[in-house]
Full PDB file with SEQRES, HELIX, SHEET, SSBOND, CRYST1, ORIGX, SCALE, CONECT and MASTER records, all heavy atoms in Angstrom:
SEQRES   1 A   39  SER ILE TRP PRO MET VAL HIS SER SER GLU TYR MET LYS          
SEQRES   2 A   39  GLN LEU GLY ARG PRO LEU PRO GLU GLY GLN LEU GLY ALA          
SEQRES   3 A   39  LYS GLU TYR CYS GLU SER ILE GLY ALA ARG LEU PRO SER          
HELIX    1 AA1 SER A    9  GLN A   14  1                                   6    
HELIX    2 AA2 ALA A   26  SER A   32  1                                   7    
CRYST1    1.000    1.000    1.000  90.00  90.00  90.00 P 1           1          
ORIGX1      1.000000  0.000000  0.000000        0.00000                         
ORIGX2      0.000000  1.000000  0.000000        0.00000                         
ORIGX3      0.000000  0.000000  1.000000        0.00000                         
SCALE1      1.000000  0.000000  0.000000        0.00000                         
SCALE2      0.000000  1.000000  0.000000        0.00000                         
SCALE3      0.000000  0.000000  1.000000        0.00000                         
ATOM      1  N   SER A   1      30.390 -38.101  45.792  1.00  0.00           N  
ATOM      2  CA  SER A   1      29.769 -37.662  47.035  1.00  0.00           C  
ATOM      3  C   SER A   1      29.501 -36.155  46.992  1.00  0.00           C  
ATOM      4  O   SER A   1      30.145 -35.417  46.238  1.00  0.00           O  
ATOM      5  CB  SER A   1      30.644 -38.022  48.242  1.00  0.00           C  
ATOM      6  OG  SER A   1      31.885 -37.350  48.174  1.00  0.00           O  
ATOM      7  N   ILE A   2      28.539 -35.705  47.796  1.00  0.00           N  
ATOM      8  CA  ILE A   2      28.189 -34.286  47.838  1.00  0.00           C  
ATOM      9  C   ILE A   2      29.372 -33.480  48.389  1.00  0.00           C  
ATOM     10  O   ILE A   2      30.044 -33.906  49.323  1.00  0.00           O  
ATOM     11  CB  ILE A   2      26.939 -34.080  48.725  1.00  0.00           C  
ATOM     12  CG1 ILE A   2      25.767 -34.902  48.191  1.00  0.00           C  
ATOM     13  CG2 ILE A   2      26.566 -32.599  48.801  1.00  0.00           C  
ATOM     14  CD1 ILE A   2      25.423 -34.697  46.742  1.00  0.00           C  
ATOM     15  N   TRP A   3      29.591 -32.324  47.805  1.00  0.00           N  
ATOM     16  CA  TRP A   3      30.722 -31.485  48.148  1.00  0.00           C  
ATOM     17  C   TRP A   3      30.244 -30.219  48.843  1.00  0.00           C  
ATOM     18  O   TRP A   3      30.006 -29.199  48.206  1.00  0.00           O  
ATOM     19  CB  TRP A   3      31.477 -31.137  46.883  1.00  0.00           C  
ATOM     20  CG  TRP A   3      32.789 -30.449  47.071  1.00  0.00           C  
ATOM     21  CD1 TRP A   3      33.446 -30.211  48.226  1.00  0.00           C  
ATOM     22  CD2 TRP A   3      33.597 -29.907  46.031  1.00  0.00           C  
ATOM     23  NE1 TRP A   3      34.623 -29.555  47.977  1.00  0.00           N  
ATOM     24  CE2 TRP A   3      34.741 -29.367  46.636  1.00  0.00           C  
ATOM     25  CE3 TRP A   3      33.483 -29.841  44.650  1.00  0.00           C  
ATOM     26  CZ2 TRP A   3      35.759 -28.757  45.908  1.00  0.00           C  
ATOM     27  CZ3 TRP A   3      34.483 -29.237  43.936  1.00  0.00           C  
ATOM     28  CH2 TRP A   3      35.608 -28.714  44.556  1.00  0.00           C  
ATOM     29  N   PRO A   4      30.095 -30.236  50.174  1.00  0.00           N  
ATOM     30  CA  PRO A   4      29.705 -29.002  50.872  1.00  0.00           C  
ATOM     31  C   PRO A   4      30.866 -28.013  50.894  1.00  0.00           C  
ATOM     32  O   PRO A   4      32.033 -28.410  50.952  1.00  0.00           O  
ATOM     33  CB  PRO A   4      29.361 -29.479  52.285  1.00  0.00           C  
ATOM     34  CG  PRO A   4      30.006 -30.799  52.437  1.00  0.00           C  
ATOM     35  CD  PRO A   4      30.247 -31.363  51.067  1.00  0.00           C  
ATOM     36  N   MET A   5      30.529 -26.722  50.818  1.00  0.00           N  
ATOM     37  CA  MET A   5      31.540 -25.680  50.740  1.00  0.00           C  
ATOM     38  C   MET A   5      31.144 -24.492  51.615  1.00  0.00           C  
ATOM     39  O   MET A   5      29.964 -24.256  51.841  1.00  0.00           O  
ATOM     40  CB  MET A   5      31.675 -25.180  49.304  1.00  0.00           C  
ATOM     41  CG  MET A   5      32.106 -26.212  48.315  1.00  0.00           C  
ATOM     42  SD  MET A   5      32.058 -25.525  46.639  1.00  0.00           S  
ATOM     43  CE  MET A   5      31.729 -27.019  45.732  1.00  0.00           C  
ATOM     44  N   VAL A   6      32.145 -23.732  52.037  1.00  0.00           N  
ATOM     45  CA  VAL A   6      31.876 -22.443  52.653  1.00  0.00           C  
ATOM     46  C   VAL A   6      31.371 -21.503  51.560  1.00  0.00           C  
ATOM     47  O   VAL A   6      31.514 -21.796  50.373  1.00  0.00           O  
ATOM     48  CB  VAL A   6      33.124 -21.846  53.346  1.00  0.00           C  
ATOM     49  CG1 VAL A   6      33.579 -22.739  54.491  1.00  0.00           C  
ATOM     50  CG2 VAL A   6      34.248 -21.595  52.354  1.00  0.00           C  
ATOM     51  N   HIS A   7      30.821 -20.383  51.947  1.00  0.00           N  
ATOM     52  CA  HIS A   7      30.259 -19.459  50.961  1.00  0.00           C  
ATOM     53  C   HIS A   7      31.312 -18.952  49.983  1.00  0.00           C  
ATOM     54  O   HIS A   7      31.078 -18.909  48.786  1.00  0.00           O  
ATOM     55  CB  HIS A   7      29.559 -18.292  51.673  1.00  0.00           C  
ATOM     56  CG  HIS A   7      28.782 -17.423  50.764  1.00  0.00           C  
ATOM     57  ND1 HIS A   7      29.270 -16.238  50.284  1.00  0.00           N  
ATOM     58  CD2 HIS A   7      27.536 -17.570  50.256  1.00  0.00           C  
ATOM     59  CE1 HIS A   7      28.354 -15.686  49.497  1.00  0.00           C  
ATOM     60  NE2 HIS A   7      27.299 -16.471  49.478  1.00  0.00           N  
ATOM     61  N   SER A   8      32.477 -18.539  50.491  1.00  0.00           N  
ATOM     62  CA  SER A   8      33.493 -17.956  49.621  1.00  0.00           C  
ATOM     63  C   SER A   8      34.884 -18.145  50.217  1.00  0.00           C  
ATOM     64  O   SER A   8      35.110 -17.832  51.386  1.00  0.00           O  
ATOM     65  CB  SER A   8      33.212 -16.460  49.447  1.00  0.00           C  
ATOM     66  OG  SER A   8      34.310 -15.791  48.885  1.00  0.00           O  
ATOM     67  N   SER A   9      35.822 -18.609  49.416  1.00  0.00           N  
ATOM     68  CA  SER A   9      37.190 -18.740  49.886  1.00  0.00           C  
ATOM     69  C   SER A   9      37.817 -17.352  50.100  1.00  0.00           C  
ATOM     70  O   SER A   9      38.627 -17.174  51.006  1.00  0.00           O  
ATOM     71  CB  SER A   9      38.032 -19.587  48.940  1.00  0.00           C  
ATOM     72  OG  SER A   9      37.936 -19.134  47.617  1.00  0.00           O  
ATOM     73  N   GLU A  10      37.410 -16.368  49.313  1.00  0.00           N  
ATOM     74  CA  GLU A  10      37.896 -14.989  49.509  1.00  0.00           C  
ATOM     75  C   GLU A  10      37.447 -14.465  50.866  1.00  0.00           C  
ATOM     76  O   GLU A  10      38.204 -13.810  51.575  1.00  0.00           O  
ATOM     77  CB  GLU A  10      37.401 -14.053  48.399  1.00  0.00           C  
ATOM     78  CG  GLU A  10      38.194 -14.121  47.146  1.00  0.00           C  
ATOM     79  CD  GLU A  10      39.667 -13.782  47.371  1.00  0.00           C  
ATOM     80  OE1 GLU A  10      39.977 -12.752  48.025  1.00  0.00           O  
ATOM     81  OE2 GLU A  10      40.515 -14.561  46.918  1.00  0.00           O  
ATOM     82  N   TYR A  11      36.207 -14.759  51.231  1.00  0.00           N  
ATOM     83  CA  TYR A  11      35.695 -14.342  52.537  1.00  0.00           C  
ATOM     84  C   TYR A  11      36.525 -14.987  53.651  1.00  0.00           C  
ATOM     85  O   TYR A  11      36.870 -14.325  54.633  1.00  0.00           O  
ATOM     86  CB  TYR A  11      34.218 -14.727  52.663  1.00  0.00           C  
ATOM     87  CG  TYR A  11      33.645 -14.471  54.027  1.00  0.00           C  
ATOM     88  CD1 TYR A  11      33.374 -13.169  54.450  1.00  0.00           C  
ATOM     89  CD2 TYR A  11      33.381 -15.513  54.901  1.00  0.00           C  
ATOM     90  CE1 TYR A  11      32.866 -12.923  55.714  1.00  0.00           C  
ATOM     91  CE2 TYR A  11      32.876 -15.272  56.166  1.00  0.00           C  
ATOM     92  CZ  TYR A  11      32.627 -13.977  56.562  1.00  0.00           C  
ATOM     93  OH  TYR A  11      32.123 -13.729  57.807  1.00  0.00           O  
ATOM     94  N   MET A  12      36.846 -16.258  53.506  1.00  0.00           N  
ATOM     95  CA  MET A  12      37.638 -16.945  54.520  1.00  0.00           C  
ATOM     96  C   MET A  12      39.026 -16.307  54.650  1.00  0.00           C  
ATOM     97  O   MET A  12      39.544 -16.166  55.748  1.00  0.00           O  
ATOM     98  CB  MET A  12      37.745 -18.430  54.195  1.00  0.00           C  
ATOM     99  CG  MET A  12      36.406 -19.168  54.223  1.00  0.00           C  
ATOM    100  SD  MET A  12      35.549 -19.078  55.802  1.00  0.00           S  
ATOM    101  CE  MET A  12      36.530 -20.213  56.773  1.00  0.00           C  
ATOM    102  N   LYS A  13      39.623 -15.891  53.528  1.00  0.00           N  
ATOM    103  CA  LYS A  13      40.911 -15.187  53.581  1.00  0.00           C  
ATOM    104  C   LYS A  13      40.785 -13.893  54.359  1.00  0.00           C  
ATOM    105  O   LYS A  13      41.655 -13.556  55.159  1.00  0.00           O  
ATOM    106  CB  LYS A  13      41.409 -14.884  52.163  1.00  0.00           C  
ATOM    107  CG  LYS A  13      42.102 -16.022  51.479  1.00  0.00           C  
ATOM    108  CD  LYS A  13      42.664 -15.531  50.157  1.00  0.00           C  
ATOM    109  CE  LYS A  13      42.850 -16.679  49.215  1.00  0.00           C  
ATOM    110  NZ  LYS A  13      43.177 -16.240  47.852  1.00  0.00           N  
ATOM    111  N   GLN A  14      39.701 -13.148  54.108  1.00  0.00           N  
ATOM    112  CA  GLN A  14      39.481 -11.882  54.812  1.00  0.00           C  
ATOM    113  C   GLN A  14      39.371 -12.083  56.319  1.00  0.00           C  
ATOM    114  O   GLN A  14      39.751 -11.222  57.099  1.00  0.00           O  
ATOM    115  CB  GLN A  14      38.224 -11.189  54.288  1.00  0.00           C  
ATOM    116  CG  GLN A  14      38.344 -10.664  52.885  1.00  0.00           C  
ATOM    117  CD  GLN A  14      37.012 -10.194  52.334  1.00  0.00           C  
ATOM    118  OE1 GLN A  14      36.013 -10.110  53.037  1.00  0.00           O  
ATOM    119  NE2 GLN A  14      37.005  -9.885  51.047  1.00  0.00           N  
ATOM    120  N   LEU A  15      38.822 -13.228  56.714  1.00  0.00           N  
ATOM    121  CA  LEU A  15      38.705 -13.541  58.146  1.00  0.00           C  
ATOM    122  C   LEU A  15      40.016 -14.000  58.756  1.00  0.00           C  
ATOM    123  O   LEU A  15      40.105 -14.188  59.962  1.00  0.00           O  
ATOM    124  CB  LEU A  15      37.685 -14.668  58.359  1.00  0.00           C  
ATOM    125  CG  LEU A  15      36.215 -14.363  58.194  1.00  0.00           C  
ATOM    126  CD1 LEU A  15      35.381 -15.609  58.448  1.00  0.00           C  
ATOM    127  CD2 LEU A  15      35.770 -13.244  59.118  1.00  0.00           C  
ATOM    128  N   GLY A  16      41.012 -14.221  57.916  1.00  0.00           N  
ATOM    129  CA  GLY A  16      42.278 -14.752  58.406  1.00  0.00           C  
ATOM    130  C   GLY A  16      42.249 -16.257  58.587  1.00  0.00           C  
ATOM    131  O   GLY A  16      43.068 -16.815  59.316  1.00  0.00           O  
ATOM    132  N   ARG A  17      41.279 -16.910  57.927  1.00  0.00           N  
ATOM    133  CA  ARG A  17      41.136 -18.362  58.008  1.00  0.00           C  
ATOM    134  C   ARG A  17      41.108 -18.949  56.593  1.00  0.00           C  
ATOM    135  O   ARG A  17      40.104 -19.521  56.171  1.00  0.00           O  
ATOM    136  CB  ARG A  17      39.846 -18.717  58.745  1.00  0.00           C  
ATOM    137  CG  ARG A  17      39.860 -18.247  60.190  1.00  0.00           C  
ATOM    138  CD  ARG A  17      38.540 -18.470  60.865  1.00  0.00           C  
ATOM    139  NE  ARG A  17      38.200 -19.873  60.937  1.00  0.00           N  
ATOM    140  CZ  ARG A  17      37.048 -20.330  61.424  1.00  0.00           C  
ATOM    141  NH1 ARG A  17      36.143 -19.493  61.897  1.00  0.00           N  
ATOM    142  NH2 ARG A  17      36.814 -21.629  61.462  1.00  0.00           N  
ATOM    143  N   PRO A  18      42.188 -18.794  55.823  1.00  0.00           N  
ATOM    144  CA  PRO A  18      42.171 -19.262  54.436  1.00  0.00           C  
ATOM    145  C   PRO A  18      41.928 -20.768  54.352  1.00  0.00           C  
ATOM    146  O   PRO A  18      42.336 -21.526  55.242  1.00  0.00           O  
ATOM    147  CB  PRO A  18      43.547 -18.883  53.901  1.00  0.00           C  
ATOM    148  CG  PRO A  18      44.397 -18.691  55.096  1.00  0.00           C  
ATOM    149  CD  PRO A  18      43.494 -18.281  56.230  1.00  0.00           C  
ATOM    150  N   LEU A  19      41.265 -21.156  53.287  1.00  0.00           N  
ATOM    151  CA  LEU A  19      41.030 -22.581  53.036  1.00  0.00           C  
ATOM    152  C   LEU A  19      42.340 -23.249  52.625  1.00  0.00           C  
ATOM    153  O   LEU A  19      43.252 -22.586  52.133  1.00  0.00           O  
ATOM    154  CB  LEU A  19      39.992 -22.750  51.927  1.00  0.00           C  
ATOM    155  CG  LEU A  19      38.603 -22.206  52.226  1.00  0.00           C  
ATOM    156  CD1 LEU A  19      37.688 -22.385  51.009  1.00  0.00           C  
ATOM    157  CD2 LEU A  19      37.987 -22.884  53.443  1.00  0.00           C  
ATOM    158  N   PRO A  20      42.416 -24.562  52.798  1.00  0.00           N  
ATOM    159  CA  PRO A  20      43.624 -25.279  52.342  1.00  0.00           C  
ATOM    160  C   PRO A  20      43.866 -25.065  50.844  1.00  0.00           C  
ATOM    161  O   PRO A  20      42.909 -24.839  50.083  1.00  0.00           O  
ATOM    162  CB  PRO A  20      43.290 -26.744  52.635  1.00  0.00           C  
ATOM    163  CG  PRO A  20      42.240 -26.702  53.690  1.00  0.00           C  
ATOM    164  CD  PRO A  20      41.454 -25.455  53.436  1.00  0.00           C  
ATOM    165  N   GLU A  21      45.099 -25.143  50.462  1.00  0.00           N  
ATOM    166  CA  GLU A  21      45.491 -24.981  49.055  1.00  0.00           C  
ATOM    167  C   GLU A  21      44.617 -25.836  48.139  1.00  0.00           C  
ATOM    168  O   GLU A  21      44.420 -27.027  48.382  1.00  0.00           O  
ATOM    169  CB  GLU A  21      46.969 -25.398  48.887  1.00  0.00           C  
ATOM    170  CG  GLU A  21      47.507 -25.187  47.504  1.00  0.00           C  
ATOM    171  CD  GLU A  21      47.692 -23.718  47.146  1.00  0.00           C  
ATOM    172  OE1 GLU A  21      47.964 -22.912  48.062  1.00  0.00           O  
ATOM    173  OE2 GLU A  21      47.566 -23.393  45.962  1.00  0.00           O  
ATOM    174  N   GLY A  22      44.058 -25.222  47.113  1.00  0.00           N  
ATOM    175  CA  GLY A  22      43.248 -25.935  46.137  1.00  0.00           C  
ATOM    176  C   GLY A  22      41.775 -26.075  46.490  1.00  0.00           C  
ATOM    177  O   GLY A  22      40.977 -26.476  45.649  1.00  0.00           O  
ATOM    178  N   GLN A  23      41.391 -25.753  47.712  1.00  0.00           N  
ATOM    179  CA  GLN A  23      39.989 -25.852  48.101  1.00  0.00           C  
ATOM    180  C   GLN A  23      39.277 -24.535  47.779  1.00  0.00           C  
ATOM    181  O   GLN A  23      39.813 -23.458  48.037  1.00  0.00           O  
ATOM    182  CB  GLN A  23      39.862 -26.155  49.593  1.00  0.00           C  
ATOM    183  CG  GLN A  23      38.454 -26.478  50.022  1.00  0.00           C  
ATOM    184  CD  GLN A  23      38.388 -26.904  51.480  1.00  0.00           C  
ATOM    185  OE1 GLN A  23      39.410 -27.140  52.129  1.00  0.00           O  
ATOM    186  NE2 GLN A  23      37.200 -27.002  52.001  1.00  0.00           N  
ATOM    187  N   LEU A  24      38.085 -24.639  47.196  1.00  0.00           N  
ATOM    188  CA  LEU A  24      37.330 -23.462  46.796  1.00  0.00           C  
ATOM    189  C   LEU A  24      36.097 -23.268  47.665  1.00  0.00           C  
ATOM    190  O   LEU A  24      35.530 -24.237  48.167  1.00  0.00           O  
ATOM    191  CB  LEU A  24      36.866 -23.602  45.331  1.00  0.00           C  
ATOM    192  CG  LEU A  24      37.950 -23.688  44.268  1.00  0.00           C  
ATOM    193  CD1 LEU A  24      37.320 -23.985  42.923  1.00  0.00           C  
ATOM    194  CD2 LEU A  24      38.769 -22.423  44.228  1.00  0.00           C  
ATOM    195  N   GLY A  25      35.666 -22.031  47.770  1.00  0.00           N  
ATOM    196  CA  GLY A  25      34.360 -21.743  48.336  1.00  0.00           C  
ATOM    197  C   GLY A  25      33.313 -21.870  47.236  1.00  0.00           C  
ATOM    198  O   GLY A  25      33.644 -21.996  46.052  1.00  0.00           O  
ATOM    199  N   ALA A  26      32.046 -21.821  47.613  1.00  0.00           N  
ATOM    200  CA  ALA A  26      30.948 -22.000  46.666  1.00  0.00           C  
ATOM    201  C   ALA A  26      30.994 -20.965  45.540  1.00  0.00           C  
ATOM    202  O   ALA A  26      30.836 -21.306  44.359  1.00  0.00           O  
ATOM    203  CB  ALA A  26      29.619 -21.933  47.397  1.00  0.00           C  
ATOM    204  N   LYS A  27      31.207 -19.718  45.895  1.00  0.00           N  
ATOM    205  CA  LYS A  27      31.237 -18.646  44.889  1.00  0.00           C  
ATOM    206  C   LYS A  27      32.331 -18.902  43.861  1.00  0.00           C  
ATOM    207  O   LYS A  27      32.098 -18.851  42.652  1.00  0.00           O  
ATOM    208  CB  LYS A  27      31.447 -17.297  45.586  1.00  0.00           C  
ATOM    209  CG  LYS A  27      31.475 -16.109  44.672  1.00  0.00           C  
ATOM    210  CD  LYS A  27      31.643 -14.828  45.499  1.00  0.00           C  
ATOM    211  CE  LYS A  27      31.649 -13.590  44.653  1.00  0.00           C  
ATOM    212  NZ  LYS A  27      32.858 -13.394  43.877  1.00  0.00           N  
ATOM    213  N   GLU A  28      33.511 -19.206  44.328  1.00  0.00           N  
ATOM    214  CA  GLU A  28      34.644 -19.436  43.430  1.00  0.00           C  
ATOM    215  C   GLU A  28      34.495 -20.736  42.637  1.00  0.00           C  
ATOM    216  O   GLU A  28      34.910 -20.819  41.480  1.00  0.00           O  
ATOM    217  CB  GLU A  28      35.959 -19.442  44.217  1.00  0.00           C  
ATOM    218  CG  GLU A  28      36.300 -18.093  44.823  1.00  0.00           C  
ATOM    219  CD  GLU A  28      35.556 -17.760  46.115  1.00  0.00           C  
ATOM    220  OE1 GLU A  28      34.961 -18.672  46.731  1.00  0.00           O  
ATOM    221  OE2 GLU A  28      35.548 -16.585  46.519  1.00  0.00           O  
ATOM    222  N   TYR A  29      33.890 -21.752  43.272  1.00  0.00           N  
ATOM    223  CA  TYR A  29      33.644 -23.004  42.553  1.00  0.00           C  
ATOM    224  C   TYR A  29      32.747 -22.750  41.342  1.00  0.00           C  
ATOM    225  O   TYR A  29      33.061 -23.166  40.221  1.00  0.00           O  
ATOM    226  CB  TYR A  29      33.002 -24.032  43.475  1.00  0.00           C  
ATOM    227  CG  TYR A  29      32.447 -25.218  42.736  1.00  0.00           C  
ATOM    228  CD1 TYR A  29      33.278 -26.171  42.178  1.00  0.00           C  
ATOM    229  CD2 TYR A  29      31.075 -25.355  42.549  1.00  0.00           C  
ATOM    230  CE1 TYR A  29      32.772 -27.251  41.455  1.00  0.00           C  
ATOM    231  CE2 TYR A  29      30.553 -26.423  41.842  1.00  0.00           C  
ATOM    232  CZ  TYR A  29      31.402 -27.367  41.295  1.00  0.00           C  
ATOM    233  OH  TYR A  29      30.890 -28.421  40.576  1.00  0.00           O  
ATOM    234  N   CYS A  30      31.640 -22.047  41.562  1.00  0.00           N  
ATOM    235  CA  CYS A  30      30.730 -21.779  40.440  1.00  0.00           C  
ATOM    236  C   CYS A  30      31.446 -20.971  39.355  1.00  0.00           C  
ATOM    237  O   CYS A  30      31.314 -21.276  38.171  1.00  0.00           O  
ATOM    238  CB  CYS A  30      29.484 -21.039  40.928  1.00  0.00           C  
ATOM    239  SG  CYS A  30      28.343 -22.073  41.883  1.00  0.00           S  
ATOM    240  N   GLU A  31      32.201 -19.965  39.762  1.00  0.00           N  
ATOM    241  CA  GLU A  31      32.938 -19.173  38.779  1.00  0.00           C  
ATOM    242  C   GLU A  31      33.929 -20.027  37.994  1.00  0.00           C  
ATOM    243  O   GLU A  31      34.135 -19.823  36.795  1.00  0.00           O  
ATOM    244  CB  GLU A  31      33.665 -18.015  39.471  1.00  0.00           C  
ATOM    245  CG  GLU A  31      32.712 -16.958  40.002  1.00  0.00           C  
ATOM    246  CD  GLU A  31      33.372 -15.944  40.919  1.00  0.00           C  
ATOM    247  OE1 GLU A  31      34.590 -16.074  41.219  1.00  0.00           O  
ATOM    248  OE2 GLU A  31      32.665 -15.015  41.354  1.00  0.00           O  
ATOM    249  N   SER A  32      34.543 -21.012  38.658  1.00  0.00           N  
ATOM    250  CA  SER A  32      35.547 -21.857  38.006  1.00  0.00           C  
ATOM    251  C   SER A  32      34.960 -22.735  36.915  1.00  0.00           C  
ATOM    252  O   SER A  32      35.685 -23.205  36.048  1.00  0.00           O  
ATOM    253  CB  SER A  32      36.277 -22.728  39.040  1.00  0.00           C  
ATOM    254  OG  SER A  32      35.487 -23.838  39.435  1.00  0.00           O  
ATOM    255  N   ILE A  33      33.647 -22.957  36.945  1.00  0.00           N  
ATOM    256  CA  ILE A  33      33.004 -23.767  35.899  1.00  0.00           C  
ATOM    257  C   ILE A  33      32.157 -22.899  34.961  1.00  0.00           C  
ATOM    258  O   ILE A  33      31.304 -23.400  34.237  1.00  0.00           O  
ATOM    259  CB  ILE A  33      32.161 -24.927  36.501  1.00  0.00           C  
ATOM    260  CG1 ILE A  33      31.009 -24.424  37.359  1.00  0.00           C  
ATOM    261  CG2 ILE A  33      33.063 -25.900  37.260  1.00  0.00           C  
ATOM    262  CD1 ILE A  33      30.016 -25.488  37.754  1.00  0.00           C  
ATOM    263  N   GLY A  34      32.384 -21.581  34.995  1.00  0.00           N  
ATOM    264  CA  GLY A  34      31.691 -20.673  34.091  1.00  0.00           C  
ATOM    265  C   GLY A  34      30.248 -20.401  34.486  1.00  0.00           C  
ATOM    266  O   GLY A  34      29.396 -20.140  33.643  1.00  0.00           O  
ATOM    267  N   ALA A  35      29.977 -20.463  35.781  1.00  0.00           N  
ATOM    268  CA  ALA A  35      28.629 -20.264  36.282  1.00  0.00           C  
ATOM    269  C   ALA A  35      28.665 -19.280  37.459  1.00  0.00           C  
ATOM    270  O   ALA A  35      29.675 -18.598  37.667  1.00  0.00           O  
ATOM    271  CB  ALA A  35      28.039 -21.611  36.708  1.00  0.00           C  
ATOM    272  N   ARG A  36      27.584 -19.223  38.227  1.00  0.00           N  
ATOM    273  CA  ARG A  36      27.525 -18.371  39.408  1.00  0.00           C  
ATOM    274  C   ARG A  36      26.566 -18.984  40.405  1.00  0.00           C  
ATOM    275  O   ARG A  36      25.781 -19.879  40.074  1.00  0.00           O  
ATOM    276  CB  ARG A  36      27.076 -16.955  39.037  1.00  0.00           C  
ATOM    277  CG  ARG A  36      25.663 -16.924  38.438  1.00  0.00           C  
ATOM    278  CD  ARG A  36      25.212 -15.505  38.128  1.00  0.00           C  
ATOM    279  NE  ARG A  36      23.958 -15.494  37.430  1.00  0.00           N  
ATOM    280  CZ  ARG A  36      22.753 -15.685  37.986  1.00  0.00           C  
ATOM    281  NH1 ARG A  36      22.659 -15.899  39.287  1.00  0.00           N  
ATOM    282  NH2 ARG A  36      21.654 -15.661  37.276  1.00  0.00           N  
ATOM    283  N   LEU A  37      26.620 -18.496  41.645  1.00  0.00           N  
ATOM    284  CA  LEU A  37      25.641 -18.910  42.639  1.00  0.00           C  
ATOM    285  C   LEU A  37      24.298 -18.252  42.318  1.00  0.00           C  
ATOM    286  O   LEU A  37      24.269 -17.086  41.901  1.00  0.00           O  
ATOM    287  CB  LEU A  37      26.058 -18.456  44.046  1.00  0.00           C  
ATOM    288  CG  LEU A  37      27.153 -19.236  44.735  1.00  0.00           C  
ATOM    289  CD1 LEU A  37      27.527 -18.543  46.049  1.00  0.00           C  
ATOM    290  CD2 LEU A  37      26.711 -20.657  45.004  1.00  0.00           C  
ATOM    291  N   PRO A  38      23.181 -18.946  42.512  1.00  0.00           N  
ATOM    292  CA  PRO A  38      21.880 -18.302  42.298  1.00  0.00           C  
ATOM    293  C   PRO A  38      21.596 -17.276  43.390  1.00  0.00           C  
ATOM    294  O   PRO A  38      22.040 -17.426  44.533  1.00  0.00           O  
ATOM    295  CB  PRO A  38      20.882 -19.456  42.369  1.00  0.00           C  
ATOM    296  CG  PRO A  38      21.622 -20.612  42.945  1.00  0.00           C  
ATOM    297  CD  PRO A  38      23.081 -20.350  42.870  1.00  0.00           C  
ATOM    298  N   SER A  39      20.854 -16.243  43.030  1.00  0.00           N  
ATOM    299  CA  SER A  39      20.429 -15.250  44.024  1.00  0.00           C  
ATOM    300  C   SER A  39      19.270 -15.828  44.841  1.00  0.00           C  
ATOM    301  O   SER A  39      18.642 -16.809  44.442  1.00  0.00           O  
ATOM    302  CB  SER A  39      19.965 -13.968  43.325  1.00  0.00           C  
ATOM    303  OG  SER A  39      18.748 -14.222  42.621  1.00  0.00           O  
TER     304      SER A  39                                                      
MASTER        0    0    0    2    0    0    0    6  303    1    0    3          
END                                                                             
């Protein structure tokens, strides 16, 4: 199934709303697979 994500888990931490343990934001997800978000 499609996996929608927030823009960045780091951003969510900065807001004081961290994602659940193990959940990634889009930016971190792409980085975790050796890629990046497109500009």
